[in-house]
Amino acid sequence: MLTDRPQSLDSALYFVATPIGTARDITLRALDILATADILAAEDTRNTRRLMDIHGIALNGRPLIAYHDHNGPAQRPRLIRALHEGKSVAYVSDAGTPLIADPGFALAREAIAKGLEVRTAPGASALLAALSVAGLPTDQFFFAGFLPTKSNARRNALATLLDVPGTLVFFESGKRIGKSLGNMCEVFGGDRQAAVCRELTKRFEEVRRGTLGDLAAEYDGASPKGEIVVLVGPAPERAADPGALDQALTAALQGEASLRDAVDQVAAALGLPRKAVYARALEMGRDTEKGKER
């Protein structure tokens, strides 16, 4: 237990990251805020009370308010009013970093819209923890949250991510993991590298890596317990068809679009790296100038 915590906090809405598993994965600043905030709001008050008990933090008569998707509209006015009165409010999600697939987003938006101070106490995040151990590229990634529960809607959602130039990250439940991986194989193909991270930082932590096809076969019909993060490696770069690329660039540049806009349009339409399309557009321009000189 810490004995040198600050006696009070500035009036602000504090978004406090909490552990995703191991209780010791919490920062000293997060403990300070939980110990001194005037009001605590939590997605799951039972988890928050348990965490506070582990770290020797007493409520001492302070309110601990449940704030989740179902009661958010009713609870926000109370929390916003407390901030207007100069009080400090700390919000924690069920686990991990608030606002990452979490109901705290609407609270943050309203506080910001009303000119109130919003601060963060960063810490554990299932998203970043999974990226750390998956062995997939991390220079660019796209967090897609939870996929739709129905297969057709899930396939449609995945199709919009087909050409994202980075690692894709999803949250998934054990009862849907097999079907979701199967849909990913249908949309992305079975050869893309992927990883399934389950129960990160907990006793039965597990990370499985392989192709989408291999992982889909492993989890077919399975319903593993615990929190799951699925990661899919970036789409392989497509080889450019020189004729199709030149034709598309010629058509785009004949309009009113600038060179930059034309390159962006063609790169998106053909699923090609922008750098390669831009280089070809410059080559075509130089060839045209040489033709004029002759």
Foldseek 3Di string as FASTA:
>chain_A
DDDPADQEDWQAEEFAAAAPADLVQHDPVSLSCLQHFQAEEECDVVLVVVSCVVVVHDCVPRYYHHDADVCPVVCLVVVLVCSVVGGHYYYYYSHGTPPQLGPCPVSVVVCVVVVGHYYYDHTGHPQVLCVVPQPADDPDEDEPEAADPDLVSRLVVVLVVQLPQFKYKYKDALVCVLVNLVSCCVRNNQAWKKKKWFPPPHPPTDIDIDTSNVVSVVSHVGRDHGIIMMMTHHRDADDDDVVVLVVQLVVLVVDPDDLLVSLVVSCVVVSHDSVVSSVVNVVVVVVVVVVVVD
